[in-house]
mmCIF file of all heavy atoms, coordinates in Angstrom:
data_MODEL
# 
_entry.id   MODEL 
# 
loop_
_atom_site.group_PDB 
_atom_site.id 
_atom_site.type_symbol 
_atom_site.label_atom_id 
_atom_site.label_alt_id 
_atom_site.label_comp_id 
_atom_site.label_asym_id 
_atom_site.label_entity_id 
_atom_site.label_seq_id 
_atom_site.pdbx_PDB_ins_code 
_atom_site.Cartn_x 
_atom_site.Cartn_y 
_atom_site.Cartn_z 
_atom_site.occupancy 
_atom_site.B_iso_or_equiv 
_atom_site.pdbx_formal_charge 
_atom_site.auth_seq_id 
_atom_site.auth_comp_id 
_atom_site.auth_asym_id 
_atom_site.auth_atom_id 
_atom_site.pdbx_PDB_model_num 
ATOM 1   N N   . CYS A 1 1  ? 0.794  -1.181  0.011   1.00 0.00 ? 1  CYS A N   1 
ATOM 2   C CA  . CYS A 1 1  ? -0.019 0.007   0.060   1.00 0.00 ? 1  CYS A CA  1 
ATOM 3   C C   . CYS A 1 1  ? 0.885  1.298   -0.028  1.00 0.00 ? 1  CYS A C   1 
ATOM 4   O O   . CYS A 1 1  ? 2.043  1.114   0.335   1.00 0.00 ? 1  CYS A O   1 
ATOM 5   C CB  . CYS A 1 1  ? -0.974 -0.098  1.237   1.00 0.00 ? 1  CYS A CB  1 
ATOM 6   S SG  . CYS A 1 1  ? -2.003 -1.480  1.313   1.00 0.00 ? 1  CYS A SG  1 
ATOM 7   N N   . PHE A 1 2  ? 0.146  2.423   -0.354  1.00 0.00 ? 2  PHE A N   1 
ATOM 8   C CA  . PHE A 1 2  ? 0.935  3.688   -0.275  1.00 0.00 ? 2  PHE A CA  1 
ATOM 9   C C   . PHE A 1 2  ? -0.135 4.754   -0.085  1.00 0.00 ? 2  PHE A C   1 
ATOM 10  O O   . PHE A 1 2  ? -1.247 4.610   -0.477  1.00 0.00 ? 2  PHE A O   1 
ATOM 11  C CB  . PHE A 1 2  ? 1.765  3.925   -1.513  1.00 0.00 ? 2  PHE A CB  1 
ATOM 12  C CG  . PHE A 1 2  ? 1.078  3.862   -2.768  1.00 0.00 ? 2  PHE A CG  1 
ATOM 13  C CD1 . PHE A 1 2  ? 0.636  5.216   -3.403  1.00 0.00 ? 2  PHE A CD1 1 
ATOM 14  C CD2 . PHE A 1 2  ? 0.951  2.811   -3.551  1.00 0.00 ? 2  PHE A CD2 1 
ATOM 15  C CE1 . PHE A 1 2  ? 0.035  5.231   -4.610  1.00 0.00 ? 2  PHE A CE1 1 
ATOM 16  C CE2 . PHE A 1 2  ? 0.359  2.797   -4.786  1.00 0.00 ? 2  PHE A CE2 1 
ATOM 17  C CZ  . PHE A 1 2  ? -0.138 3.940   -5.329  1.00 0.00 ? 2  PHE A CZ  1 
ATOM 18  N N   . ALA A 1 3  ? 0.322  5.803   0.416   1.00 0.00 ? 3  ALA A N   1 
ATOM 19  C CA  . ALA A 1 3  ? -0.451 7.116   0.479   1.00 0.00 ? 3  ALA A CA  1 
ATOM 20  C C   . ALA A 1 3  ? -0.125 8.147   -0.408  1.00 0.00 ? 3  ALA A C   1 
ATOM 21  O O   . ALA A 1 3  ? 1.011  8.123   -0.816  1.00 0.00 ? 3  ALA A O   1 
ATOM 22  C CB  . ALA A 1 3  ? -0.330 7.556   1.975   1.00 0.00 ? 3  ALA A CB  1 
ATOM 23  N N   . MET A 1 4  ? -0.957 9.005   -0.880  1.00 0.00 ? 4  MET A N   1 
ATOM 24  C CA  . MET A 1 4  ? -0.741 9.974   -1.788  1.00 0.00 ? 4  MET A CA  1 
ATOM 25  C C   . MET A 1 4  ? -1.772 11.121  -1.575  1.00 0.00 ? 4  MET A C   1 
ATOM 26  O O   . MET A 1 4  ? -2.837 10.919  -1.086  1.00 0.00 ? 4  MET A O   1 
ATOM 27  C CB  . MET A 1 4  ? -0.861 9.463   -3.195  1.00 0.00 ? 4  MET A CB  1 
ATOM 28  C CG  . MET A 1 4  ? -2.139 9.065   -3.698  1.00 0.00 ? 4  MET A CG  1 
ATOM 29  S SD  . MET A 1 4  ? -2.119 8.418   -5.435  1.00 0.00 ? 4  MET A SD  1 
ATOM 30  C CE  . MET A 1 4  ? -3.829 8.027   -5.718  1.00 0.00 ? 4  MET A CE  1 
ATOM 31  N N   . ASP A 1 5  ? -1.337 12.320  -1.994  1.00 0.00 ? 5  ASP A N   1 
ATOM 32  C CA  . ASP A 1 5  ? -2.162 13.371  -2.021  1.00 0.00 ? 5  ASP A CA  1 
ATOM 33  C C   . ASP A 1 5  ? -2.229 13.994  -3.468  1.00 0.00 ? 5  ASP A C   1 
ATOM 34  O O   . ASP A 1 5  ? -1.573 13.421  -4.349  1.00 0.00 ? 5  ASP A O   1 
ATOM 35  C CB  . ASP A 1 5  ? -1.833 14.590  -1.006  1.00 0.00 ? 5  ASP A CB  1 
ATOM 36  C CG  . ASP A 1 5  ? -0.426 15.076  -1.218  1.00 0.00 ? 5  ASP A CG  1 
ATOM 37  O OD1 . ASP A 1 5  ? 0.245  14.902  -2.248  1.00 0.00 ? 5  ASP A OD1 1 
ATOM 38  O OD2 . ASP A 1 5  ? -0.028 15.823  -0.343  1.00 0.00 ? 5  ASP A OD2 1 
ATOM 39  N N   . TYR A 1 6  ? -2.933 15.175  -3.753  1.00 0.00 ? 6  TYR A N   1 
ATOM 40  C CA  . TYR A 1 6  ? -3.102 15.540  -5.140  1.00 0.00 ? 6  TYR A CA  1 
ATOM 41  C C   . TYR A 1 6  ? -3.002 17.081  -5.185  1.00 0.00 ? 6  TYR A C   1 
ATOM 42  O O   . TYR A 1 6  ? -3.852 17.679  -4.495  1.00 0.00 ? 6  TYR A O   1 
ATOM 43  C CB  . TYR A 1 6  ? -4.309 15.039  -5.755  1.00 0.00 ? 6  TYR A CB  1 
ATOM 44  C CG  . TYR A 1 6  ? -4.602 15.513  -7.173  1.00 0.00 ? 6  TYR A CG  1 
ATOM 45  C CD1 . TYR A 1 6  ? -3.616 15.123  -8.237  1.00 0.00 ? 6  TYR A CD1 1 
ATOM 46  C CD2 . TYR A 1 6  ? -5.586 16.481  -7.584  1.00 0.00 ? 6  TYR A CD2 1 
ATOM 47  C CE1 . TYR A 1 6  ? -3.784 15.532  -9.542  1.00 0.00 ? 6  TYR A CE1 1 
ATOM 48  C CE2 . TYR A 1 6  ? -5.741 16.819  -8.858  1.00 0.00 ? 6  TYR A CE2 1 
ATOM 49  C CZ  . TYR A 1 6  ? -4.813 16.389  -9.813  1.00 0.00 ? 6  TYR A CZ  1 
ATOM 50  O OH  . TYR A 1 6  ? -4.918 16.821  -11.117 1.00 0.00 ? 6  TYR A OH  1 
ATOM 51  N N   . LEU A 1 7  ? -2.153 17.667  -5.862  1.00 0.00 ? 7  LEU A N   1 
ATOM 52  C CA  . LEU A 1 7  ? -1.926 19.042  -6.014  1.00 0.00 ? 7  LEU A CA  1 
ATOM 53  C C   . LEU A 1 7  ? -2.020 19.376  -7.563  1.00 0.00 ? 7  LEU A C   1 
ATOM 54  O O   . LEU A 1 7  ? -1.107 19.178  -8.319  1.00 0.00 ? 7  LEU A O   1 
ATOM 55  C CB  . LEU A 1 7  ? -0.659 19.556  -5.438  1.00 0.00 ? 7  LEU A CB  1 
ATOM 56  C CG  . LEU A 1 7  ? -0.343 19.259  -4.056  1.00 0.00 ? 7  LEU A CG  1 
ATOM 57  C CD1 . LEU A 1 7  ? 0.974  19.863  -3.641  1.00 0.00 ? 7  LEU A CD1 1 
ATOM 58  C CD2 . LEU A 1 7  ? -1.410 19.854  -3.148  1.00 0.00 ? 7  LEU A CD2 1 
ATOM 59  N N   . GLU A 1 8  ? -3.197 19.866  -7.985  1.00 0.00 ? 8  GLU A N   1 
ATOM 60  C CA  . GLU A 1 8  ? -3.483 20.230  -9.425  1.00 0.00 ? 8  GLU A CA  1 
ATOM 61  C C   . GLU A 1 8  ? -2.603 21.227  -9.793  1.00 0.00 ? 8  GLU A C   1 
ATOM 62  O O   . GLU A 1 8  ? -2.396 22.176  -9.216  1.00 0.00 ? 8  GLU A O   1 
ATOM 63  C CB  . GLU A 1 8  ? -4.981 20.659  -9.650  1.00 0.00 ? 8  GLU A CB  1 
ATOM 64  C CG  . GLU A 1 8  ? -5.298 20.869  -11.017 1.00 0.00 ? 8  GLU A CG  1 
ATOM 65  C CD  . GLU A 1 8  ? -5.327 19.893  -11.967 1.00 0.00 ? 8  GLU A CD  1 
ATOM 66  O OE1 . GLU A 1 8  ? -5.934 18.808  -11.618 1.00 0.00 ? 8  GLU A OE1 1 
ATOM 67  O OE2 . GLU A 1 8  ? -4.740 19.852  -13.115 1.00 0.00 ? 8  GLU A OE2 1 
ATOM 68  N N   . GLY A 1 9  ? -1.991 21.033  -11.075 1.00 0.00 ? 9  GLY A N   1 
ATOM 69  C CA  . GLY A 1 9  ? -0.967 21.924  -11.631 1.00 0.00 ? 9  GLY A CA  1 
ATOM 70  C C   . GLY A 1 9  ? 0.456  21.769  -11.251 1.00 0.00 ? 9  GLY A C   1 
ATOM 71  O O   . GLY A 1 9  ? 1.377  22.272  -11.924 1.00 0.00 ? 9  GLY A O   1 
ATOM 72  N N   . GLU A 1 10 ? 0.687  20.751  -10.287 1.00 0.00 ? 10 GLU A N   1 
ATOM 73  C CA  . GLU A 1 10 ? 2.037  20.376  -9.877  1.00 0.00 ? 10 GLU A CA  1 
ATOM 74  C C   . GLU A 1 10 ? 2.457  19.247  -10.695 1.00 0.00 ? 10 GLU A C   1 
ATOM 75  O O   . GLU A 1 10 ? 1.596  18.509  -11.260 1.00 0.00 ? 10 GLU A O   1 
ATOM 76  C CB  . GLU A 1 10 ? 2.156  20.223  -8.295  1.00 0.00 ? 10 GLU A CB  1 
ATOM 77  C CG  . GLU A 1 10 ? 1.769  21.397  -7.541  1.00 0.00 ? 10 GLU A CG  1 
ATOM 78  C CD  . GLU A 1 10 ? 2.837  22.467  -7.564  1.00 0.00 ? 10 GLU A CD  1 
ATOM 79  O OE1 . GLU A 1 10 ? 3.994  22.137  -7.922  1.00 0.00 ? 10 GLU A OE1 1 
ATOM 80  O OE2 . GLU A 1 10 ? 2.596  23.520  -7.140  1.00 0.00 ? 10 GLU A OE2 1 
ATOM 81  N N   . ASP A 1 11 ? 3.744  18.839  -10.686 1.00 0.00 ? 11 ASP A N   1 
ATOM 82  C CA  . ASP A 1 11 ? 4.234  17.597  -11.339 1.00 0.00 ? 11 ASP A CA  1 
ATOM 83  C C   . ASP A 1 11 ? 5.117  16.841  -10.367 1.00 0.00 ? 11 ASP A C   1 
ATOM 84  O O   . ASP A 1 11 ? 6.224  17.245  -10.102 1.00 0.00 ? 11 ASP A O   1 
ATOM 85  C CB  . ASP A 1 11 ? 4.901  17.942  -12.555 1.00 0.00 ? 11 ASP A CB  1 
ATOM 86  C CG  . ASP A 1 11 ? 5.310  16.809  -13.398 1.00 0.00 ? 11 ASP A CG  1 
ATOM 87  O OD1 . ASP A 1 11 ? 5.164  15.565  -12.956 1.00 0.00 ? 11 ASP A OD1 1 
ATOM 88  O OD2 . ASP A 1 11 ? 5.615  17.011  -14.626 1.00 0.00 ? 11 ASP A OD2 1 
ATOM 89  N N   . PHE A 1 12 ? 4.616  15.789  -9.879  1.00 0.00 ? 12 PHE A N   1 
ATOM 90  C CA  . PHE A 1 12 ? 5.358  14.970  -8.994  1.00 0.00 ? 12 PHE A CA  1 
ATOM 91  C C   . PHE A 1 12 ? 5.646  13.490  -9.615  1.00 0.00 ? 12 PHE A C   1 
ATOM 92  O O   . PHE A 1 12 ? 5.809  12.506  -8.931  1.00 0.00 ? 12 PHE A O   1 
ATOM 93  C CB  . PHE A 1 12 ? 4.736  14.781  -7.659  1.00 0.00 ? 12 PHE A CB  1 
ATOM 94  C CG  . PHE A 1 12 ? 4.303  16.027  -6.977  1.00 0.00 ? 12 PHE A CG  1 
ATOM 95  C CD1 . PHE A 1 12 ? 3.151  16.522  -6.909  1.00 0.00 ? 12 PHE A CD1 1 
ATOM 96  C CD2 . PHE A 1 12 ? 5.489  16.661  -6.280  1.00 0.00 ? 12 PHE A CD2 1 
ATOM 97  C CE1 . PHE A 1 12 ? 2.905  17.766  -6.258  1.00 0.00 ? 12 PHE A CE1 1 
ATOM 98  C CE2 . PHE A 1 12 ? 5.155  17.842  -5.501  1.00 0.00 ? 12 PHE A CE2 1 
ATOM 99  C CZ  . PHE A 1 12 ? 3.898  18.301  -5.703  1.00 0.00 ? 12 PHE A CZ  1 
ATOM 100 N N   . THR A 1 13 ? 5.651  13.477  -10.965 1.00 0.00 ? 13 THR A N   1 
ATOM 101 C CA  . THR A 1 13 ? 5.794  12.214  -11.684 1.00 0.00 ? 13 THR A CA  1 
ATOM 102 C C   . THR A 1 13 ? 7.095  11.532  -11.289 1.00 0.00 ? 13 THR A C   1 
ATOM 103 O O   . THR A 1 13 ? 8.175  12.029  -11.283 1.00 0.00 ? 13 THR A O   1 
ATOM 104 C CB  . THR A 1 13 ? 5.812  12.382  -13.135 1.00 0.00 ? 13 THR A CB  1 
ATOM 105 O OG1 . THR A 1 13 ? 4.705  13.053  -13.499 1.00 0.00 ? 13 THR A OG1 1 
ATOM 106 C CG2 . THR A 1 13 ? 5.823  11.031  -13.870 1.00 0.00 ? 13 THR A CG2 1 
ATOM 107 N N   . ILE A 1 14 ? 6.944  10.265  -10.847 1.00 0.00 ? 14 ILE A N   1 
ATOM 108 C CA  . ILE A 1 14 ? 8.095  9.468   -10.373 1.00 0.00 ? 14 ILE A CA  1 
ATOM 109 C C   . ILE A 1 14 ? 8.825  8.886   -11.576 1.00 0.00 ? 14 ILE A C   1 
ATOM 110 O O   . ILE A 1 14 ? 8.315  8.970   -12.730 1.00 0.00 ? 14 ILE A O   1 
ATOM 111 C CB  . ILE A 1 14 ? 7.622  8.276   -9.520  1.00 0.00 ? 14 ILE A CB  1 
ATOM 112 C CG1 . ILE A 1 14 ? 6.722  7.301   -10.286 1.00 0.00 ? 14 ILE A CG1 1 
ATOM 113 C CG2 . ILE A 1 14 ? 6.890  8.767   -8.212  1.00 0.00 ? 14 ILE A CG2 1 
ATOM 114 C CD1 . ILE A 1 14 ? 6.497  5.948   -9.453  1.00 0.00 ? 14 ILE A CD1 1 
ATOM 115 N N   . SER A 1 15 ? 10.025 8.258   -11.407 1.00 0.00 ? 15 SER A N   1 
ATOM 116 C CA  . SER A 1 15 ? 10.811 7.654   -12.566 1.00 0.00 ? 15 SER A CA  1 
ATOM 117 C C   . SER A 1 15 ? 9.868  6.393   -13.013 1.00 0.00 ? 15 SER A C   1 
ATOM 118 O O   . SER A 1 15 ? 9.256  5.661   -12.207 1.00 0.00 ? 15 SER A O   1 
ATOM 119 C CB  . SER A 1 15 ? 12.138 7.255   -12.107 1.00 0.00 ? 15 SER A CB  1 
ATOM 120 O OG  . SER A 1 15 ? 12.807 8.285   -11.791 1.00 0.00 ? 15 SER A OG  1 
ATOM 121 N N   . LYS A 1 16 ? 9.882  6.175   -14.244 1.00 0.00 ? 16 LYS A N   1 
ATOM 122 C CA  . LYS A 1 16 ? 9.146  4.990   -14.775 1.00 0.00 ? 16 LYS A CA  1 
ATOM 123 C C   . LYS A 1 16 ? 9.813  3.613   -14.107 1.00 0.00 ? 16 LYS A C   1 
ATOM 124 O O   . LYS A 1 16 ? 10.880 3.394   -14.117 1.00 0.00 ? 16 LYS A O   1 
ATOM 125 C CB  . LYS A 1 16 ? 9.466  4.887   -16.242 1.00 0.00 ? 16 LYS A CB  1 
ATOM 126 C CG  . LYS A 1 16 ? 8.733  3.754   -16.905 1.00 0.00 ? 16 LYS A CG  1 
ATOM 127 C CD  . LYS A 1 16 ? 8.966  3.804   -18.456 1.00 0.00 ? 16 LYS A CD  1 
ATOM 128 C CE  . LYS A 1 16 ? 8.327  2.521   -19.153 1.00 0.00 ? 16 LYS A CE  1 
ATOM 129 N NZ  . LYS A 1 16 ? 8.610  2.483   -20.508 1.00 0.00 ? 16 LYS A NZ  1 
ATOM 130 N N   . PRO A 1 17 ? 8.861  2.870   -13.397 1.00 0.00 ? 17 PRO A N   1 
ATOM 131 C CA  . PRO A 1 17 ? 9.287  1.686   -12.768 1.00 0.00 ? 17 PRO A CA  1 
ATOM 132 C C   . PRO A 1 17 ? 9.937  0.699   -13.811 1.00 0.00 ? 17 PRO A C   1 
ATOM 133 O O   . PRO A 1 17 ? 9.355  0.544   -14.986 1.00 0.00 ? 17 PRO A O   1 
ATOM 134 C CB  . PRO A 1 17 ? 7.941  1.128   -12.041 1.00 0.00 ? 17 PRO A CB  1 
ATOM 135 C CG  . PRO A 1 17 ? 7.142  2.409   -12.008 1.00 0.00 ? 17 PRO A CG  1 
ATOM 136 C CD  . PRO A 1 17 ? 7.465  3.245   -13.099 1.00 0.00 ? 17 PRO A CD  1 
ATOM 137 N N   . ALA A 1 18 ? 10.766 -0.220  -13.315 1.00 0.00 ? 18 ALA A N   1 
ATOM 138 C CA  . ALA A 1 18 ? 11.464 -1.111  -14.228 1.00 0.00 ? 18 ALA A CA  1 
ATOM 139 C C   . ALA A 1 18 ? 10.396 -2.119  -14.911 1.00 0.00 ? 18 ALA A C   1 
ATOM 140 O O   . ALA A 1 18 ? 10.491 -2.501  -16.088 1.00 0.00 ? 18 ALA A O   1 
ATOM 141 C CB  . ALA A 1 18 ? 12.493 -1.990  -13.460 1.00 0.00 ? 18 ALA A CB  1 
ATOM 142 N N   . ALA A 1 19 ? 9.393  -2.547  -14.152 1.00 0.00 ? 19 ALA A N   1 
ATOM 143 C CA  . ALA A 1 19 ? 8.320  -3.417  -14.720 1.00 0.00 ? 19 ALA A CA  1 
ATOM 144 C C   . ALA A 1 19 ? 7.214  -2.813  -15.293 1.00 0.00 ? 19 ALA A C   1 
ATOM 145 O O   . ALA A 1 19 ? 6.104  -3.514  -15.480 1.00 0.00 ? 19 ALA A O   1 
ATOM 146 C CB  . ALA A 1 19 ? 7.942  -4.376  -13.546 1.00 0.00 ? 19 ALA A CB  1 
ATOM 147 N N   . TYR A 1 20 ? 7.221  -1.441  -15.481 1.00 0.00 ? 20 TYR A N   1 
ATOM 148 C CA  . TYR A 1 20 ? 5.952  -0.851  -15.890 1.00 0.00 ? 20 TYR A CA  1 
ATOM 149 C C   . TYR A 1 20 ? 5.466  -1.356  -17.188 1.00 0.00 ? 20 TYR A C   1 
ATOM 150 O O   . TYR A 1 20 ? 4.236  -1.511  -17.383 1.00 0.00 ? 20 TYR A O   1 
ATOM 151 C CB  . TYR A 1 20 ? 6.305  0.722   -16.174 1.00 0.00 ? 20 TYR A CB  1 
ATOM 152 C CG  . TYR A 1 20 ? 4.960  1.532   -16.575 1.00 0.00 ? 20 TYR A CG  1 
ATOM 153 C CD1 . TYR A 1 20 ? 3.956  1.670   -15.655 1.00 0.00 ? 20 TYR A CD1 1 
ATOM 154 C CD2 . TYR A 1 20 ? 4.935  2.072   -17.823 1.00 0.00 ? 20 TYR A CD2 1 
ATOM 155 C CE1 . TYR A 1 20 ? 2.816  2.395   -16.122 1.00 0.00 ? 20 TYR A CE1 1 
ATOM 156 C CE2 . TYR A 1 20 ? 3.882  2.697   -18.225 1.00 0.00 ? 20 TYR A CE2 1 
ATOM 157 C CZ  . TYR A 1 20 ? 2.796  2.918   -17.338 1.00 0.00 ? 20 TYR A CZ  1 
ATOM 158 O OH  . TYR A 1 20 ? 1.664  3.607   -17.720 1.00 0.00 ? 20 TYR A OH  1 
ATOM 159 N N   . ASP A 1 21 ? 6.295  -1.478  -18.248 1.00 0.00 ? 21 ASP A N   1 
ATOM 160 C CA  . ASP A 1 21 ? 5.755  -1.931  -19.421 1.00 0.00 ? 21 ASP A CA  1 
ATOM 161 C C   . ASP A 1 21 ? 5.098  -3.349  -19.370 1.00 0.00 ? 21 ASP A C   1 
ATOM 162 O O   . ASP A 1 21 ? 4.077  -3.616  -20.105 1.00 0.00 ? 21 ASP A O   1 
ATOM 163 C CB  . ASP A 1 21 ? 6.999  -2.163  -20.463 1.00 0.00 ? 21 ASP A CB  1 
ATOM 164 C CG  . ASP A 1 21 ? 7.617  -0.764  -20.975 1.00 0.00 ? 21 ASP A CG  1 
ATOM 165 O OD1 . ASP A 1 21 ? 6.790  0.214   -20.742 1.00 0.00 ? 21 ASP A OD1 1 
ATOM 166 O OD2 . ASP A 1 21 ? 8.662  -0.753  -21.371 1.00 0.00 ? 21 ASP A OD2 1 
ATOM 167 N N   . PHE A 1 22 ? 5.497  -4.135  -18.467 1.00 0.00 ? 22 PHE A N   1 
ATOM 168 C CA  . PHE A 1 22 ? 4.870  -5.417  -18.179 1.00 0.00 ? 22 PHE A CA  1 
ATOM 169 C C   . PHE A 1 22 ? 3.396  -5.235  -17.546 1.00 0.00 ? 22 PHE A C   1 
ATOM 170 O O   . PHE A 1 22 ? 2.355  -5.709  -18.035 1.00 0.00 ? 22 PHE A O   1 
ATOM 171 C CB  . PHE A 1 22 ? 5.634  -6.417  -17.349 1.00 0.00 ? 22 PHE A CB  1 
ATOM 172 C CG  . PHE A 1 22 ? 4.895  -7.530  -16.819 1.00 0.00 ? 22 PHE A CG  1 
ATOM 173 C CD1 . PHE A 1 22 ? 4.694  -8.772  -17.592 1.00 0.00 ? 22 PHE A CD1 1 
ATOM 174 C CD2 . PHE A 1 22 ? 4.313  -7.661  -15.480 1.00 0.00 ? 22 PHE A CD2 1 
ATOM 175 C CE1 . PHE A 1 22 ? 3.983  -9.804  -17.110 1.00 0.00 ? 22 PHE A CE1 1 
ATOM 176 C CE2 . PHE A 1 22 ? 3.535  -8.612  -15.019 1.00 0.00 ? 22 PHE A CE2 1 
ATOM 177 C CZ  . PHE A 1 22 ? 3.483  -9.829  -15.837 1.00 0.00 ? 22 PHE A CZ  1 
ATOM 178 N N   . TRP A 1 23 ? 3.446  -4.429  -16.524 1.00 0.00 ? 23 TRP A N   1 
ATOM 179 C CA  . TRP A 1 23 ? 2.151  -4.245  -15.903 1.00 0.00 ? 23 TRP A CA  1 
ATOM 180 C C   . TRP A 1 23 ? 1.158  -3.417  -16.768 1.00 0.00 ? 23 TRP A C   1 
ATOM 181 O O   . TRP A 1 23 ? 0.002  -3.593  -16.611 1.00 0.00 ? 23 TRP A O   1 
ATOM 182 C CB  . TRP A 1 23 ? 2.361  -3.561  -14.574 1.00 0.00 ? 23 TRP A CB  1 
ATOM 183 C CG  . TRP A 1 23 ? 2.918  -4.462  -13.559 1.00 0.00 ? 23 TRP A CG  1 
ATOM 184 C CD1 . TRP A 1 23 ? 4.218  -4.356  -12.959 1.00 0.00 ? 23 TRP A CD1 1 
ATOM 185 C CD2 . TRP A 1 23 ? 2.339  -5.597  -12.889 1.00 0.00 ? 23 TRP A CD2 1 
ATOM 186 N NE1 . TRP A 1 23 ? 4.441  -5.346  -12.092 1.00 0.00 ? 23 TRP A NE1 1 
ATOM 187 C CE2 . TRP A 1 23 ? 3.307  -6.192  -12.050 1.00 0.00 ? 23 TRP A CE2 1 
ATOM 188 C CE3 . TRP A 1 23 ? 1.162  -6.198  -13.139 1.00 0.00 ? 23 TRP A CE3 1 
ATOM 189 C CZ2 . TRP A 1 23 ? 3.104  -7.309  -11.338 1.00 0.00 ? 23 TRP A CZ2 1 
ATOM 190 C CZ3 . TRP A 1 23 ? 0.878  -7.367  -12.432 1.00 0.00 ? 23 TRP A CZ3 1 
ATOM 191 C CH2 . TRP A 1 23 ? 1.861  -7.923  -11.579 1.00 0.00 ? 23 TRP A CH2 1 
ATOM 192 N N   . ARG A 1 24 ? 1.609  -2.667  -17.624 1.00 0.00 ? 24 ARG A N   1 
ATOM 193 C CA  . ARG A 1 24 ? 0.844  -1.719  -18.494 1.00 0.00 ? 24 ARG A CA  1 
ATOM 194 C C   . ARG A 1 24 ? -0.142 -2.701  -19.406 1.00 0.00 ? 24 ARG A C   1 
ATOM 195 O O   . ARG A 1 24 ? -1.121 -2.200  -19.705 1.00 0.00 ? 24 ARG A O   1 
ATOM 196 C CB  . ARG A 1 24 ? 1.715  -0.870  -19.266 1.00 0.00 ? 24 ARG A CB  1 
ATOM 197 C CG  . ARG A 1 24 ? 0.909  0.188   -20.038 1.00 0.00 ? 24 ARG A CG  1 
ATOM 198 C CD  . ARG A 1 24 ? 1.879  1.180   -20.827 1.00 0.00 ? 24 ARG A CD  1 
ATOM 199 N NE  . ARG A 1 24 ? 1.076  2.087   -21.631 1.00 0.00 ? 24 ARG A NE  1 
ATOM 200 C CZ  . ARG A 1 24 ? 0.863  1.881   -22.982 1.00 0.00 ? 24 ARG A CZ  1 
ATOM 201 N NH1 . ARG A 1 24 ? 1.128  0.839   -23.503 1.00 0.00 ? 24 ARG A NH1 1 
ATOM 202 N NH2 . ARG A 1 24 ? 0.266  2.868   -23.561 1.00 0.00 ? 24 ARG A NH2 1 
ATOM 203 N N   . GLU A 1 25 ? 0.526  -3.857  -19.734 1.00 0.00 ? 25 GLU A N   1 
ATOM 204 C CA  . GLU A 1 25 ? -0.160 -4.695  -20.734 1.00 0.00 ? 25 GLU A CA  1 
ATOM 205 C C   . GLU A 1 25 ? -0.744 -5.865  -20.011 1.00 0.00 ? 25 GLU A C   1 
ATOM 206 O O   . GLU A 1 25 ? -1.620 -6.657  -20.631 1.00 0.00 ? 25 GLU A O   1 
ATOM 207 C CB  . GLU A 1 25 ? 0.941  -5.242  -21.844 1.00 0.00 ? 25 GLU A CB  1 
ATOM 208 C CG  . GLU A 1 25 ? 1.395  -4.071  -22.607 1.00 0.00 ? 25 GLU A CG  1 
ATOM 209 C CD  . GLU A 1 25 ? 0.345  -3.233  -23.294 1.00 0.00 ? 25 GLU A CD  1 
ATOM 210 O OE1 . GLU A 1 25 ? -0.571 -3.869  -23.858 1.00 0.00 ? 25 GLU A OE1 1 
ATOM 211 O OE2 . GLU A 1 25 ? 0.596  -1.990  -23.350 1.00 0.00 ? 25 GLU A OE2 1 
ATOM 212 N N   . TYR A 1 26 ? -0.541 -6.111  -18.606 1.00 0.00 ? 26 TYR A N   1 
ATOM 213 C CA  . TYR A 1 26 ? -0.840 -7.349  -18.077 1.00 0.00 ? 26 TYR A CA  1 
ATOM 214 C C   . TYR A 1 26 ? -2.421 -7.366  -17.820 1.00 0.00 ? 26 TYR A C   1 
ATOM 215 O O   . TYR A 1 26 ? -2.948 -6.363  -17.359 1.00 0.00 ? 26 TYR A O   1 
ATOM 216 C CB  . TYR A 1 26 ? -0.234 -7.460  -16.783 1.00 0.00 ? 26 TYR A CB  1 
ATOM 217 C CG  . TYR A 1 26 ? -0.713 -8.647  -15.885 1.00 0.00 ? 26 TYR A CG  1 
ATOM 218 C CD1 . TYR A 1 26 ? -0.347 -9.961  -16.334 1.00 0.00 ? 26 TYR A CD1 1 
ATOM 219 C CD2 . TYR A 1 26 ? -1.507 -8.436  -14.814 1.00 0.00 ? 26 TYR A CD2 1 
ATOM 220 C CE1 . TYR A 1 26 ? -0.861 -11.057 -15.564 1.00 0.00 ? 26 TYR A CE1 1 
ATOM 221 C CE2 . TYR A 1 26 ? -2.008 -9.569  -14.091 1.00 0.00 ? 26 TYR A CE2 1 
ATOM 222 C CZ  . TYR A 1 26 ? -1.644 -10.875 -14.374 1.00 0.00 ? 26 TYR A CZ  1 
ATOM 223 O OH  . TYR A 1 26 ? -2.186 -11.887 -13.696 1.00 0.00 ? 26 TYR A OH  1 
# 
């Protein structure tokens, strides 16, 4: 699990996870 908040207009994009391409299609 993880916690997050949201600030419209800001950019907190994390680095692309190593397994992202797999999970994107799974």
